[in-house]
Amino acid sequence: MSEFRIDEGMEVTLHFTLKLEDGTVVDSTRDKQPATFQVGDGNLPPGFERPLKGLVGGESGSFEIAPEHGFGQRNPQNVQMLSRDDFEEIEPEVGTVMSFADPAGGELPGVIIAADERNVEVDFNHPLAGRTLTFEVEVLDVRPAQTH
């Protein structure tokens, strides 16, 4: 068993389960390969990395992640009203997740939350924005990251 603790410059392998307030599992590695990442590489939001610091291989933990440390608060300005004419070949259905082009030319997912003859209302907030999440981890291995 290694004595390396999770901190900057470490490579961490762990199993995690991410749950909503009501216990619904949003994401989990339990039934697949564990996740491996380097602390600070951006794979894990800082609010998820912070509570892991200091853990060693073999330890487990359950952490509550507030929205401001997870995926942010919901922003009403991220809900946009688009013209029905913008949806030429697609029938916009409430609940459908669609990909839209953002001003920078990237892809932005949005959820259709309302539609009538003239307008389609789209929510561009992250689906987990505004949610308090439970982040359960089982640390399998901690080792110094290999720098290439």
C-alpha atoms as a PDB file:
ATOM      1  CA  MET A   1       0.000   0.000   0.000  1.00  0.00           C
ATOM      2  CA  SER A   2       1.476   3.337  -1.032  1.00  0.00           C
ATOM      3  CA  GLU A   3       1.749   6.186   1.399  1.00  0.00           C
ATOM      4  CA  PHE A   4       1.375   8.866  -1.240  1.00  0.00           C
ATOM      5  CA  ARG A   5      -1.429  11.313  -0.456  1.00  0.00           C
ATOM      6  CA  ILE A   6      -3.664  12.972  -3.038  1.00  0.00           C
ATOM      7  CA  ASP A   7      -2.197  16.385  -3.853  1.00  0.00           C
ATOM      8  CA  GLU A   8      -0.860  18.452  -6.768  1.00  0.00           C
ATOM      9  CA  GLY A   9       1.370  16.417  -9.067  1.00  0.00           C
ATOM     10  CA  MET A  10      -0.175  13.094  -8.120  1.00  0.00           C
ATOM     11  CA  GLU A  11      -1.899  10.610 -10.390  1.00  0.00           C
ATOM     12  CA  VAL A  12      -5.012   9.197  -8.757  1.00  0.00           C
ATOM     13  CA  THR A  13      -6.998   6.078  -9.640  1.00  0.00           C
ATOM     14  CA  LEU A  14     -10.375   5.797  -7.999  1.00  0.00           C
ATOM     15  CA  HIS A  15     -13.928   4.601  -8.271  1.00  0.00           C
ATOM     16  CA  PHE A  16     -16.577   7.262  -7.858  1.00  0.00           C
ATOM     17  CA  THR A  17     -20.331   7.597  -7.709  1.00  0.00           C
ATOM     18  CA  LEU A  18     -22.062  10.936  -8.207  1.00  0.00           C
ATOM     19  CA  LYS A  19     -25.573  11.249  -6.754  1.00  0.00           C
ATOM     20  CA  LEU A  20     -28.335  13.839  -6.666  1.00  0.00           C
ATOM     21  CA  GLU A  21     -29.956  15.037  -3.431  1.00  0.00           C
ATOM     22  CA  ASP A  22     -32.525  12.219  -3.627  1.00  0.00           C
ATOM     23  CA  GLY A  23     -29.885   9.507  -4.101  1.00  0.00           C
ATOM     24  CA  THR A  24     -30.341   9.140  -7.873  1.00  0.00           C
ATOM     25  CA  VAL A  25     -27.019   8.064  -9.407  1.00  0.00           C
ATOM     26  CA  VAL A  26     -25.924  10.512 -12.118  1.00  0.00           C
ATOM     27  CA  ASP A  27     -22.580   8.913 -12.950  1.00  0.00           C
ATOM     28  CA  SER A  28     -20.490   6.081 -11.586  1.00  0.00           C
ATOM     29  CA  THR A  29     -17.406   4.028 -12.442  1.00  0.00           C
ATOM     30  CA  ARG A  30     -18.498   1.183 -10.164  1.00  0.00           C
ATOM     31  CA  ASP A  31     -19.547  -1.108 -13.014  1.00  0.00           C
ATOM     32  CA  LYS A  32     -16.677  -0.165 -15.323  1.00  0.00           C
ATOM     33  CA  GLN A  33     -13.004   0.831 -15.309  1.00  0.00           C
ATOM     34  CA  PRO A  34     -11.921   3.114 -12.461  1.00  0.00           C
ATOM     35  CA  ALA A  35     -11.087   6.722 -13.340  1.00  0.00           C
ATOM     36  CA  THR A  36      -7.457   7.851 -13.447  1.00  0.00           C
ATOM     37  CA  PHE A  37      -6.546  11.518 -13.517  1.00  0.00           C
ATOM     38  CA  GLN A  38      -3.771  13.875 -12.518  1.00  0.00           C
ATOM     39  CA  VAL A  39      -4.631  16.343  -9.751  1.00  0.00           C
ATOM     40  CA  GLY A  40      -5.076  19.772 -11.326  1.00  0.00           C
ATOM     41  CA  ASP A  41      -5.328  18.522 -14.943  1.00  0.00           C
ATOM     42  CA  GLY A  42      -8.877  19.834 -15.314  1.00  0.00           C
ATOM     43  CA  ASN A  43     -10.546  16.419 -15.605  1.00  0.00           C
ATOM     44  CA  LEU A  44     -12.231  16.969 -12.267  1.00  0.00           C
ATOM     45  CA  PRO A  45     -13.721  20.354 -11.287  1.00  0.00           C
ATOM     46  CA  PRO A  46     -11.701  21.929  -8.421  1.00  0.00           C
ATOM     47  CA  GLY A  47     -14.687  21.571  -6.087  1.00  0.00           C
ATOM     48  CA  PHE A  48     -14.492  17.797  -6.556  1.00  0.00           C
ATOM     49  CA  GLU A  49     -10.687  17.642  -6.180  1.00  0.00           C
ATOM     50  CA  ARG A  50     -10.474  19.734  -3.008  1.00  0.00           C
ATOM     51  CA  PRO A  51     -12.118  17.234  -0.603  1.00  0.00           C
ATOM     52  CA  LEU A  52      -9.917  14.408  -1.938  1.00  0.00           C
ATOM     53  CA  LYS A  53      -6.648  16.082  -0.912  1.00  0.00           C
ATOM     54  CA  GLY A  54      -4.784  14.089   1.690  1.00  0.00           C
ATOM     55  CA  LEU A  55      -6.486  10.745   1.038  1.00  0.00           C
ATOM     56  CA  VAL A  56      -4.305   7.678   0.396  1.00  0.00           C
ATOM     57  CA  GLY A  57      -4.921   4.487  -1.565  1.00  0.00           C
ATOM     58  CA  GLY A  58      -7.447   2.284   0.204  1.00  0.00           C
ATOM     59  CA  GLU A  59      -9.396   5.161   1.751  1.00  0.00           C
ATOM     60  CA  SER A  60     -12.984   6.027   0.912  1.00  0.00           C
ATOM     61  CA  GLY A  61     -15.054   9.107   1.445  1.00  0.00           C
ATOM     62  CA  SER A  62     -18.409  10.703   0.765  1.00  0.00           C
ATOM     63  CA  PHE A  63     -18.479  14.442   0.132  1.00  0.00           C
ATOM     64  CA  GLU A  64     -21.309  16.898  -0.355  1.00  0.00           C
ATOM     65  CA  ILE A  65     -20.551  19.256  -3.250  1.00  0.00           C
ATOM     66  CA  ALA A  66     -22.506  22.530  -3.165  1.00  0.00           C
ATOM     67  CA  PRO A  67     -23.569  23.967  -6.554  1.00  0.00           C
ATOM     68  CA  GLU A  68     -20.949  26.737  -6.437  1.00  0.00           C
ATOM     69  CA  HIS A  69     -18.214  24.079  -6.129  1.00  0.00           C
ATOM     70  CA  GLY A  70     -19.814  21.708  -8.646  1.00  0.00           C
ATOM     71  CA  PHE A  71     -21.503  22.859 -11.829  1.00  0.00           C
ATOM     72  CA  GLY A  72     -22.506  26.348 -10.703  1.00  0.00           C
ATOM     73  CA  GLN A  73     -25.844  27.906  -9.925  1.00  0.00           C
ATOM     74  CA  ARG A  74     -28.569  28.014 -12.553  1.00  0.00           C
ATOM     75  CA  ASN A  75     -28.379  31.246 -14.530  1.00  0.00           C
ATOM     76  CA  PRO A  76     -31.722  32.570 -15.849  1.00  0.00           C
ATOM     77  CA  GLN A  77     -29.798  34.303 -18.658  1.00  0.00           C
ATOM     78  CA  ASN A  78     -28.839  30.857 -19.960  1.00  0.00           C
ATOM     79  CA  VAL A  79     -32.478  30.253 -20.880  1.00  0.00           C
ATOM     80  CA  GLN A  80     -32.993  31.596 -24.408  1.00  0.00           C
ATOM     81  CA  MET A  81     -36.072  32.122 -26.566  1.00  0.00           C
ATOM     82  CA  LEU A  82     -35.350  31.092 -30.162  1.00  0.00           C
ATOM     83  CA  SER A  83     -37.505  31.447 -33.239  1.00  0.00           C
ATOM     84  CA  ARG A  84     -39.321  28.316 -34.370  1.00  0.00           C
ATOM     85  CA  ASP A  85     -37.955  29.136 -37.853  1.00  0.00           C
ATOM     86  CA  ASP A  86     -34.445  28.276 -36.609  1.00  0.00           C
ATOM     87  CA  PHE A  87     -35.549  24.637 -36.373  1.00  0.00           C
ATOM     88  CA  GLU A  88     -36.023  23.883 -40.062  1.00  0.00           C
ATOM     89  CA  GLU A  89     -35.969  20.116 -40.219  1.00  0.00           C
ATOM     90  CA  ILE A  90     -36.327  19.257 -36.563  1.00  0.00           C
ATOM     91  CA  GLU A  91     -39.551  19.085 -34.612  1.00  0.00           C
ATOM     92  CA  PRO A  92     -38.546  20.642 -31.263  1.00  0.00           C
ATOM     93  CA  GLU A  93     -39.831  18.432 -28.471  1.00  0.00           C
ATOM     94  CA  VAL A  94     -39.779  19.411 -24.806  1.00  0.00           C
ATOM     95  CA  GLY A  95     -37.045  17.519 -22.963  1.00  0.00           C
ATOM     96  CA  THR A  96     -34.891  16.966 -26.056  1.00  0.00           C
ATOM     97  CA  VAL A  97     -31.191  17.794 -25.663  1.00  0.00           C
ATOM     98  CA  MET A  98     -29.866  19.437 -28.814  1.00  0.00           C
ATOM     99  CA  SER A  99     -26.500  20.761 -29.849  1.00  0.00           C
ATOM    100  CA  PHE A 100     -26.278  24.409 -30.857  1.00  0.00           C
ATOM    101  CA  ALA A 101     -23.381  26.395 -32.285  1.00  0.00           C
ATOM    102  CA  ASP A 102     -22.066  28.974 -29.822  1.00  0.00           C
ATOM    103  CA  PRO A 103     -20.685  32.374 -30.967  1.00  0.00           C
ATOM    104  CA  ALA A 104     -17.124  31.000 -30.854  1.00  0.00           C
ATOM    105  CA  GLY A 105     -18.063  28.186 -33.244  1.00  0.00           C
ATOM    106  CA  GLY A 106     -18.074  25.492 -30.567  1.00  0.00           C
ATOM    107  CA  GLU A 107     -20.873  23.146 -29.581  1.00  0.00           C
ATOM    108  CA  LEU A 108     -23.274  24.045 -26.799  1.00  0.00           C
ATOM    109  CA  PRO A 109     -25.848  21.559 -25.507  1.00  0.00           C
ATOM    110  CA  GLY A 110     -29.290  22.933 -24.700  1.00  0.00           C
ATOM    111  CA  VAL A 111     -32.514  21.371 -23.424  1.00  0.00           C
ATOM    112  CA  ILE A 112     -35.810  22.370 -25.011  1.00  0.00           C
ATOM    113  CA  ILE A 113     -38.096  23.370 -22.143  1.00  0.00           C
ATOM    114  CA  ALA A 114     -41.038  24.848 -24.082  1.00  0.00           C
ATOM    115  CA  ALA A 115     -42.226  25.178 -27.678  1.00  0.00           C
ATOM    116  CA  ASP A 116     -45.196  26.743 -29.472  1.00  0.00           C
ATOM    117  CA  GLU A 117     -45.930  27.709 -33.097  1.00  0.00           C
ATOM    118  CA  ARG A 118     -43.532  30.665 -33.071  1.00  0.00           C
ATOM    119  CA  ASN A 119     -40.969  30.179 -30.319  1.00  0.00           C
ATOM    120  CA  VAL A 120     -38.774  27.516 -28.756  1.00  0.00           C
ATOM    121  CA  GLU A 121     -37.405  28.028 -25.248  1.00  0.00           C
ATOM    122  CA  VAL A 122     -33.979  26.450 -24.693  1.00  0.00           C
ATOM    123  CA  ASP A 123     -32.117  26.030 -21.392  1.00  0.00           C
ATOM    124  CA  PHE A 124     -28.330  26.168 -21.818  1.00  0.00           C
ATOM    125  CA  ASN A 125     -27.554  25.667 -18.104  1.00  0.00           C
ATOM    126  CA  HIS A 126     -25.508  22.566 -17.238  1.00  0.00           C
ATOM    127  CA  PRO A 127     -28.028  19.824 -16.342  1.00  0.00           C
ATOM    128  CA  LEU A 128     -26.458  19.600 -12.866  1.00  0.00           C
ATOM    129  CA  ALA A 129     -26.345  23.380 -12.281  1.00  0.00           C
ATOM    130  CA  GLY A 130     -27.962  24.373  -9.010  1.00  0.00           C
ATOM    131  CA  ARG A 131     -27.826  20.828  -7.634  1.00  0.00           C
ATOM    132  CA  THR A 132     -26.101  19.752  -4.441  1.00  0.00           C
ATOM    133  CA  LEU A 133     -24.282  16.533  -5.294  1.00  0.00           C
ATOM    134  CA  THR A 134     -22.880  13.670  -3.252  1.00  0.00           C
ATOM    135  CA  PHE A 135     -19.456  12.553  -4.489  1.00  0.00           C
ATOM    136  CA  GLU A 136     -18.527   9.104  -3.145  1.00  0.00           C
ATOM    137  CA  VAL A 137     -15.015   7.872  -3.809  1.00  0.00           C
ATOM    138  CA  GLU A 138     -12.929   4.791  -3.183  1.00  0.00           C
ATOM    139  CA  VAL A 139      -9.271   5.641  -3.754  1.00  0.00           C
ATOM    140  CA  LEU A 140      -7.470   2.711  -5.363  1.00  0.00           C
ATOM    141  CA  ASP A 141      -4.032   4.186  -6.023  1.00  0.00           C
ATOM    142  CA  VAL A 142      -2.052   7.406  -5.573  1.00  0.00           C
ATOM    143  CA  ARG A 143       1.342   7.835  -7.203  1.00  0.00           C
ATOM    144  CA  PRO A 144       3.561  10.645  -8.465  1.00  0.00           C
ATOM    145  CA  ALA A 145       2.428  11.607 -11.984  1.00  0.00           C
ATOM    146  CA  GLN A 146       4.823  10.688 -14.758  1.00  0.00           C
ATOM    147  CA  THR A 147       5.861  13.872 -16.539  1.00  0.00           C
ATOM    148  CA  HIS A 148       6.807  13.297 -20.133  1.00  0.00           C
END
